[in-house]
Amino acid sequence: MSPRCPRSSLLPVALLAAACTLAARWVAVAFVPAPETSALLRGAPAVAGATAAAGVPLAAHAADELLAYNMAGEWTSTFIEGYFILTLGYTAVAFFSYLVLTKLKII
């Protein structure tokens, strides 16, 4: 049995290096720097601040009402009704599907 020549492993190593180089170039395209802000947008923070200041009186009169959150874990009548309606509905669909498939002799 002859020993393997070190030259025979050169091709796979070269192919692996080429694949890694191509993958690194492909991934490098995904990471680009953020675009530079132009001089035309210098007044944007001032406009945003003026808009926020103008909206303060409107926010002071906003309704602060407590909404009933139905999914907080307590048992409500809506939860119980929904449970039975969905369970019975899905059972009926499954039963009638089975009935149709047995009458058609598919199963």
C-alpha atoms as a PDB file:
ATOM      1  CA  MET A   1       0.000   0.000   0.000  1.00  0.00           C
ATOM      2  CA  SER A   2       1.540   3.267  -1.041  1.00  0.00           C
ATOM      3  CA  PRO A   3       1.361   6.330   1.194  1.00  0.00           C
ATOM      4  CA  ARG A   4      -0.871   9.152   0.029  1.00  0.00           C
ATOM      5  CA  CYS A   5       0.852  11.927  -1.737  1.00  0.00           C
ATOM      6  CA  PRO A   6       0.391  15.326  -0.019  1.00  0.00           C
ATOM      7  CA  ARG A   7      -0.313  16.749  -3.436  1.00  0.00           C
ATOM      8  CA  SER A   8      -3.633  14.882  -3.706  1.00  0.00           C
ATOM      9  CA  SER A   9      -5.150  16.930  -0.885  1.00  0.00           C
ATOM     10  CA  LEU A  10      -4.167  20.229  -2.503  1.00  0.00           C
ATOM     11  CA  LEU A  11      -7.194  20.381  -4.815  1.00  0.00           C
ATOM     12  CA  PRO A  12      -9.861  19.996  -2.084  1.00  0.00           C
ATOM     13  CA  VAL A  13      -8.078  22.570   0.070  1.00  0.00           C
ATOM     14  CA  ALA A  14      -7.919  25.007  -2.846  1.00  0.00           C
ATOM     15  CA  LEU A  15     -11.606  24.479  -3.615  1.00  0.00           C
ATOM     16  CA  LEU A  16     -12.508  25.009   0.032  1.00  0.00           C
ATOM     17  CA  ALA A  17     -10.452  28.214   0.162  1.00  0.00           C
ATOM     18  CA  ALA A  18     -12.126  29.491  -3.012  1.00  0.00           C
ATOM     19  CA  ALA A  19     -15.575  28.679  -1.629  1.00  0.00           C
ATOM     20  CA  CYS A  20     -14.785  30.454   1.654  1.00  0.00           C
ATOM     21  CA  THR A  21     -13.521  33.501  -0.236  1.00  0.00           C
ATOM     22  CA  LEU A  22     -16.672  33.645  -2.365  1.00  0.00           C
ATOM     23  CA  ALA A  23     -18.866  33.192   0.708  1.00  0.00           C
ATOM     24  CA  ALA A  24     -17.028  35.988   2.536  1.00  0.00           C
ATOM     25  CA  ARG A  25     -17.498  38.327  -0.426  1.00  0.00           C
ATOM     26  CA  TRP A  26     -21.182  37.421  -0.646  1.00  0.00           C
ATOM     27  CA  VAL A  27     -21.749  38.014   3.074  1.00  0.00           C
ATOM     28  CA  ALA A  28     -19.785  41.277   3.002  1.00  0.00           C
ATOM     29  CA  VAL A  29     -22.351  42.737   0.598  1.00  0.00           C
ATOM     30  CA  ALA A  30     -25.071  42.319   3.224  1.00  0.00           C
ATOM     31  CA  PHE A  31     -23.232  44.557   5.703  1.00  0.00           C
ATOM     32  CA  VAL A  32     -23.144  48.023   4.212  1.00  0.00           C
ATOM     33  CA  PRO A  33     -22.718  51.310   6.042  1.00  0.00           C
ATOM     34  CA  ALA A  34     -25.721  53.499   6.730  1.00  0.00           C
ATOM     35  CA  PRO A  35     -26.425  56.189   4.156  1.00  0.00           C
ATOM     36  CA  GLU A  36     -25.123  59.650   4.888  1.00  0.00           C
ATOM     37  CA  THR A  37     -27.713  62.199   5.973  1.00  0.00           C
ATOM     38  CA  SER A  38     -27.981  65.092   3.602  1.00  0.00           C
ATOM     39  CA  ALA A  39     -27.871  68.769   4.524  1.00  0.00           C
ATOM     40  CA  LEU A  40     -31.522  69.108   3.480  1.00  0.00           C
ATOM     41  CA  LEU A  41     -32.654  67.218   6.581  1.00  0.00           C
ATOM     42  CA  ARG A  42     -31.125  69.596   9.121  1.00  0.00           C
ATOM     43  CA  GLY A  43     -34.479  71.088  10.045  1.00  0.00           C
ATOM     44  CA  ALA A  44     -36.182  67.725  10.591  1.00  0.00           C
ATOM     45  CA  PRO A  45     -35.479  67.531  14.360  1.00  0.00           C
ATOM     46  CA  ALA A  46     -36.798  71.057  14.829  1.00  0.00           C
ATOM     47  CA  VAL A  47     -39.981  70.241  12.926  1.00  0.00           C
ATOM     48  CA  ALA A  48     -40.453  67.036  14.935  1.00  0.00           C
ATOM     49  CA  GLY A  49     -39.993  68.953  18.177  1.00  0.00           C
ATOM     50  CA  ALA A  50     -42.500  71.619  17.131  1.00  0.00           C
ATOM     51  CA  THR A  51     -45.030  68.958  16.152  1.00  0.00           C
ATOM     52  CA  ALA A  52     -44.610  67.184  19.495  1.00  0.00           C
ATOM     53  CA  ALA A  53     -44.994  70.471  21.383  1.00  0.00           C
ATOM     54  CA  ALA A  54     -48.142  71.300  19.434  1.00  0.00           C
ATOM     55  CA  GLY A  55     -49.648  67.901  20.244  1.00  0.00           C
ATOM     56  CA  VAL A  56     -49.141  68.136  24.015  1.00  0.00           C
ATOM     57  CA  PRO A  57     -52.513  69.815  24.735  1.00  0.00           C
ATOM     58  CA  LEU A  58     -54.309  67.117  22.727  1.00  0.00           C
ATOM     59  CA  ALA A  59     -52.581  64.340  24.652  1.00  0.00           C
ATOM     60  CA  ALA A  60     -53.633  65.884  27.962  1.00  0.00           C
ATOM     61  CA  HIS A  61     -57.313  65.368  27.110  1.00  0.00           C
ATOM     62  CA  ALA A  62     -56.991  61.792  25.844  1.00  0.00           C
ATOM     63  CA  ALA A  63     -59.439  59.277  27.288  1.00  0.00           C
ATOM     64  CA  ASP A  64     -57.870  57.049  29.912  1.00  0.00           C
ATOM     65  CA  GLU A  65     -60.199  54.098  29.953  1.00  0.00           C
ATOM     66  CA  LEU A  66     -59.564  50.567  31.099  1.00  0.00           C
ATOM     67  CA  LEU A  67     -60.159  48.010  28.370  1.00  0.00           C
ATOM     68  CA  ALA A  68     -61.215  44.493  29.274  1.00  0.00           C
ATOM     69  CA  TYR A  69     -58.415  42.215  28.128  1.00  0.00           C
ATOM     70  CA  ASN A  70     -59.944  38.838  27.421  1.00  0.00           C
ATOM     71  CA  MET A  71     -56.788  36.711  27.405  1.00  0.00           C
ATOM     72  CA  ALA A  72     -55.416  37.478  30.884  1.00  0.00           C
ATOM     73  CA  GLY A  73     -56.081  33.955  32.209  1.00  0.00           C
ATOM     74  CA  GLU A  74     -59.417  34.350  33.953  1.00  0.00           C
ATOM     75  CA  TRP A  75     -62.432  32.290  32.969  1.00  0.00           C
ATOM     76  CA  THR A  76     -64.987  34.479  31.229  1.00  0.00           C
ATOM     77  CA  SER A  77     -68.272  33.574  29.611  1.00  0.00           C
ATOM     78  CA  THR A  78     -66.825  34.446  26.200  1.00  0.00           C
ATOM     79  CA  PHE A  79     -63.951  32.046  26.798  1.00  0.00           C
ATOM     80  CA  ILE A  80     -66.251  29.195  27.849  1.00  0.00           C
ATOM     81  CA  GLU A  81     -68.705  29.775  24.993  1.00  0.00           C
ATOM     82  CA  GLY A  82     -65.877  29.965  22.476  1.00  0.00           C
ATOM     83  CA  TYR A  83     -64.373  26.763  23.812  1.00  0.00           C
ATOM     84  CA  PHE A  84     -67.594  24.779  23.415  1.00  0.00           C
ATOM     85  CA  ILE A  85     -68.530  26.319  20.072  1.00  0.00           C
ATOM     86  CA  LEU A  86     -65.129  25.599  18.548  1.00  0.00           C
ATOM     87  CA  THR A  87     -64.828  22.128  20.071  1.00  0.00           C
ATOM     88  CA  LEU A  88     -68.283  21.036  18.934  1.00  0.00           C
ATOM     89  CA  GLY A  89     -67.815  22.678  15.541  1.00  0.00           C
ATOM     90  CA  TYR A  90     -64.510  20.922  14.862  1.00  0.00           C
ATOM     91  CA  THR A  91     -65.981  17.621  16.071  1.00  0.00           C
ATOM     92  CA  ALA A  92     -68.939  18.021  13.712  1.00  0.00           C
ATOM     93  CA  VAL A  93     -66.640  18.768  10.764  1.00  0.00           C
ATOM     94  CA  ALA A  94     -64.527  15.705  11.562  1.00  0.00           C
ATOM     95  CA  PHE A  95     -67.604  13.470  11.952  1.00  0.00           C
ATOM     96  CA  PHE A  96     -69.231  14.596   8.707  1.00  0.00           C
ATOM     97  CA  SER A  97     -65.925  14.307   6.851  1.00  0.00           C
ATOM     98  CA  TYR A  98     -65.585  10.750   8.109  1.00  0.00           C
ATOM     99  CA  LEU A  99     -69.222  10.053   7.173  1.00  0.00           C
ATOM    100  CA  VAL A 100     -68.760  11.334   3.617  1.00  0.00           C
ATOM    101  CA  LEU A 101     -65.466   9.488   3.145  1.00  0.00           C
ATOM    102  CA  THR A 102     -66.940   6.166   4.357  1.00  0.00           C
ATOM    103  CA  LYS A 103     -70.056   6.546   2.207  1.00  0.00           C
ATOM    104  CA  LEU A 104     -67.870   7.220  -0.819  1.00  0.00           C
ATOM    105  CA  LYS A 105     -65.776   4.204   0.213  1.00  0.00           C
ATOM    106  CA  ILE A 106     -62.579   6.234   0.210  1.00  0.00           C
ATOM    107  CA  ILE A 107     -61.654   4.986   3.675  1.00  0.00           C
END
